Amino acid sequence: MSHIQPREPQQSACVERYNRMNRHEWLDLHIFESIAEVRHFSTECLWSSNKERLSLGNGGRTSAQKLKMAT
């Protein structure tokens, strides 16, 4: 397992951006009653992100469409 070197935050830029997006898009907008509710909601958000959200980085396609084209 490789670790991020001290004082090299750009090595985790993609992970940090993903975490920030999740925090701002759904964790900050809801009050959850249980861990199970958080897990269910996060699974729905991940599915939606992969199947429905268009991404300019994928040429205006969803992640699922991009993956299908690659195989």
N, C-alpha and C. Protein backbone atom coordinates (compact mmCIF):
# COMPACT_ATOMS: atom_id res chain seq x y z
N MET A 1 0.85 -1.18 0.00
CA MET A 1 0.00 0.00 0.00
C MET A 1 0.89 1.24 0.00
N SER A 2 0.61 2.15 -0.90
CA SER A 2 1.39 3.38 -0.95
C SER A 2 0.68 4.46 -0.15
N HIS A 3 1.45 5.36 0.42
CA HIS A 3 0.90 6.43 1.23
C HIS A 3 1.23 7.77 0.58
N ILE A 4 0.44 8.74 0.90
CA ILE A 4 0.69 10.10 0.41
C ILE A 4 1.88 10.66 1.17
N GLN A 5 2.80 11.22 0.45
CA GLN A 5 3.98 11.78 1.07
C GLN A 5 3.62 13.06 1.81
N PRO A 6 4.29 13.34 2.93
CA PRO A 6 4.03 14.58 3.65
C PRO A 6 4.25 15.79 2.75
N ARG A 7 3.40 16.80 2.91
CA ARG A 7 3.46 18.04 2.15
C ARG A 7 3.27 17.83 0.65
N GLU A 8 2.55 16.79 0.25
CA GLU A 8 2.25 16.52 -1.16
C GLU A 8 0.75 16.27 -1.34
N PRO A 9 -0.10 17.27 -1.04
CA PRO A 9 -1.55 17.05 -1.09
C PRO A 9 -2.07 16.75 -2.50
N GLN A 10 -1.34 17.15 -3.54
CA GLN A 10 -1.83 16.89 -4.90
C GLN A 10 -1.88 15.40 -5.21
N GLN A 11 -1.20 14.58 -4.41
CA GLN A 11 -1.25 13.15 -4.65
C GLN A 11 -2.62 12.56 -4.33
N SER A 12 -3.42 13.27 -3.58
CA SER A 12 -4.77 12.78 -3.25
C SER A 12 -5.86 13.71 -3.77
N ALA A 13 -5.56 14.49 -4.79
CA ALA A 13 -6.50 15.50 -5.28
C ALA A 13 -7.82 14.90 -5.72
N CYS A 14 -7.80 13.78 -6.43
CA CYS A 14 -9.05 13.17 -6.91
C CYS A 14 -9.91 12.69 -5.75
N VAL A 15 -9.27 12.07 -4.77
CA VAL A 15 -10.00 11.58 -3.60
C VAL A 15 -10.58 12.74 -2.82
N GLU A 16 -9.79 13.78 -2.63
CA GLU A 16 -10.26 14.94 -1.88
C GLU A 16 -11.42 15.62 -2.60
N ARG A 17 -11.36 15.72 -3.90
CA ARG A 17 -12.46 16.34 -4.66
C ARG A 17 -13.73 15.50 -4.54
N TYR A 18 -13.59 14.18 -4.64
CA TYR A 18 -14.74 13.29 -4.51
C TYR A 18 -15.37 13.42 -3.12
N ASN A 19 -14.54 13.42 -2.09
CA ASN A 19 -15.05 13.56 -0.73
C ASN A 19 -15.76 14.90 -0.53
N ARG A 20 -15.18 15.97 -1.06
CA ARG A 20 -15.79 17.30 -0.93
C ARG A 20 -17.13 17.34 -1.65
N MET A 21 -17.19 16.76 -2.84
CA MET A 21 -18.43 16.74 -3.61
C MET A 21 -19.52 16.01 -2.83
N ASN A 22 -19.19 14.85 -2.28
CA ASN A 22 -20.19 14.09 -1.51
C ASN A 22 -20.65 14.87 -0.29
N ARG A 23 -19.73 15.49 0.39
CA ARG A 23 -20.08 16.27 1.57
C ARG A 23 -21.04 17.40 1.22
N HIS A 24 -20.73 18.15 0.19
CA HIS A 24 -21.56 19.31 -0.18
C HIS A 24 -22.86 18.92 -0.85
N GLU A 25 -22.86 17.86 -1.62
CA GLU A 25 -24.06 17.52 -2.39
C GLU A 25 -25.10 16.75 -1.60
N TRP A 26 -24.68 15.96 -0.60
CA TRP A 26 -25.74 15.26 0.12
C TRP A 26 -25.53 15.15 1.61
N LEU A 27 -24.35 15.04 2.12
CA LEU A 27 -24.20 14.93 3.57
C LEU A 27 -24.60 16.21 4.29
N ASP A 28 -24.25 17.36 3.73
CA ASP A 28 -24.59 18.63 4.37
C ASP A 28 -26.06 19.00 4.22
N LEU A 29 -26.77 18.32 3.33
CA LEU A 29 -28.16 18.70 3.05
C LEU A 29 -29.19 17.88 3.81
N HIS A 30 -28.76 16.86 4.55
CA HIS A 30 -29.69 15.94 5.19
C HIS A 30 -29.32 15.70 6.65
N ILE A 31 -30.32 15.38 7.43
CA ILE A 31 -30.11 14.92 8.80
C ILE A 31 -30.50 13.45 8.83
N PHE A 32 -29.56 12.61 9.18
CA PHE A 32 -29.79 11.18 9.16
C PHE A 32 -30.08 10.66 10.56
N GLU A 33 -30.92 9.64 10.64
CA GLU A 33 -31.30 9.05 11.92
C GLU A 33 -30.42 7.87 12.30
N SER A 34 -29.78 7.24 11.32
CA SER A 34 -28.98 6.05 11.61
C SER A 34 -27.90 5.85 10.54
N ILE A 35 -26.94 5.01 10.85
CA ILE A 35 -25.88 4.66 9.90
C ILE A 35 -26.50 3.93 8.70
N ALA A 36 -27.49 3.09 8.96
CA ALA A 36 -28.15 2.36 7.87
C ALA A 36 -28.78 3.34 6.88
N GLU A 37 -29.37 4.40 7.38
CA GLU A 37 -29.97 5.41 6.51
C GLU A 37 -28.89 6.11 5.67
N VAL A 38 -27.75 6.40 6.25
CA VAL A 38 -26.64 7.02 5.52
C VAL A 38 -26.16 6.07 4.42
N ARG A 39 -26.00 4.80 4.76
CA ARG A 39 -25.54 3.81 3.77
C ARG A 39 -26.52 3.69 2.61
N HIS A 40 -27.80 3.64 2.92
CA HIS A 40 -28.82 3.53 1.87
C HIS A 40 -28.79 4.77 0.97
N PHE A 41 -28.75 5.93 1.58
CA PHE A 41 -28.75 7.17 0.82
C PHE A 41 -27.49 7.31 -0.02
N SER A 42 -26.33 6.95 0.54
CA SER A 42 -25.08 7.07 -0.21
C SER A 42 -25.05 6.10 -1.39
N THR A 43 -25.63 4.91 -1.22
CA THR A 43 -25.72 3.95 -2.32
C THR A 43 -26.58 4.52 -3.45
N GLU A 44 -27.70 5.13 -3.10
CA GLU A 44 -28.56 5.75 -4.12
C GLU A 44 -27.83 6.88 -4.85
N CYS A 45 -27.09 7.69 -4.10
CA CYS A 45 -26.36 8.80 -4.72
C CYS A 45 -25.27 8.29 -5.65
N LEU A 46 -24.57 7.25 -5.24
CA LEU A 46 -23.51 6.68 -6.08
C LEU A 46 -24.11 6.09 -7.35
N TRP A 47 -25.23 5.39 -7.23
CA TRP A 47 -25.88 4.82 -8.40
C TRP A 47 -26.30 5.94 -9.35
N SER A 48 -26.90 6.97 -8.80
CA SER A 48 -27.34 8.10 -9.60
C SER A 48 -26.17 8.78 -10.30
N SER A 49 -25.08 8.94 -9.58
CA SER A 49 -23.89 9.58 -10.15
C SER A 49 -23.34 8.78 -11.32
N ASN A 50 -23.32 7.47 -11.19
CA ASN A 50 -22.77 6.62 -12.24
C ASN A 50 -23.71 6.41 -13.41
N LYS A 51 -25.00 6.38 -13.17
CA LYS A 51 -25.97 6.03 -14.21
C LYS A 51 -26.69 7.22 -14.83
N GLU A 52 -26.80 8.34 -14.12
CA GLU A 52 -27.63 9.43 -14.61
C GLU A 52 -26.90 10.75 -14.85
N ARG A 53 -25.86 11.02 -14.09
CA ARG A 53 -25.19 12.33 -14.18
C ARG A 53 -24.21 12.35 -15.35
N LEU A 54 -24.37 13.33 -16.23
CA LEU A 54 -23.46 13.50 -17.34
C LEU A 54 -22.19 14.18 -16.85
N SER A 55 -21.07 13.78 -17.43
CA SER A 55 -19.79 14.34 -17.01
C SER A 55 -19.06 14.90 -18.22
N LEU A 56 -18.64 16.14 -18.13
CA LEU A 56 -17.88 16.74 -19.23
C LEU A 56 -16.54 16.03 -19.39
N GLY A 57 -15.99 15.50 -18.31
CA GLY A 57 -14.74 14.76 -18.39
C GLY A 57 -14.88 13.45 -19.16
N ASN A 58 -16.11 12.96 -19.28
CA ASN A 58 -16.38 11.73 -20.04
C ASN A 58 -16.99 12.06 -21.39
N GLY A 59 -16.79 13.25 -21.86
CA GLY A 59 -17.33 13.64 -23.17
C GLY A 59 -18.84 13.81 -23.15
N GLY A 60 -19.39 14.24 -22.02
CA GLY A 60 -20.83 14.45 -21.93
C GLY A 60 -21.61 13.17 -21.75
N ARG A 61 -20.95 12.12 -21.29
CA ARG A 61 -21.59 10.83 -21.06
C ARG A 61 -21.60 10.52 -19.57
N THR A 62 -22.42 9.55 -19.19
CA THR A 62 -22.38 9.08 -17.81
C THR A 62 -21.19 8.14 -17.65
N SER A 63 -20.82 7.87 -16.42
CA SER A 63 -19.72 6.92 -16.16
C SER A 63 -20.06 5.54 -16.70
N ALA A 64 -21.32 5.13 -16.56
CA ALA A 64 -21.73 3.82 -17.06
C ALA A 64 -21.61 3.75 -18.58
N GLN A 65 -22.00 4.82 -19.29
CA GLN A 65 -21.88 4.83 -20.74
C GLN A 65 -20.41 4.75 -21.16
N LYS A 66 -19.56 5.48 -20.48
CA LYS A 66 -18.14 5.48 -20.80
C LYS A 66 -17.54 4.08 -20.60
N LEU A 67 -17.93 3.43 -19.50
CA LEU A 67 -17.43 2.07 -19.23
C LEU A 67 -17.92 1.09 -20.29
N LYS A 68 -19.17 1.22 -20.69
CA LYS A 68 -19.73 0.33 -21.71
C LYS A 68 -18.99 0.49 -23.03
N MET A 69 -18.60 1.72 -23.37
CA MET A 69 -17.88 1.97 -24.61
C MET A 69 -16.47 1.37 -24.57
N ALA A 70 -15.88 1.32 -23.37
CA ALA A 70 -14.52 0.82 -23.23
C ALA A 70 -14.44 -0.70 -23.32
N THR A 71 -15.56 -1.38 -23.06
CA THR A 71 -15.51 -2.86 -23.09
C THR A 71 -16.00 -3.41 -24.38
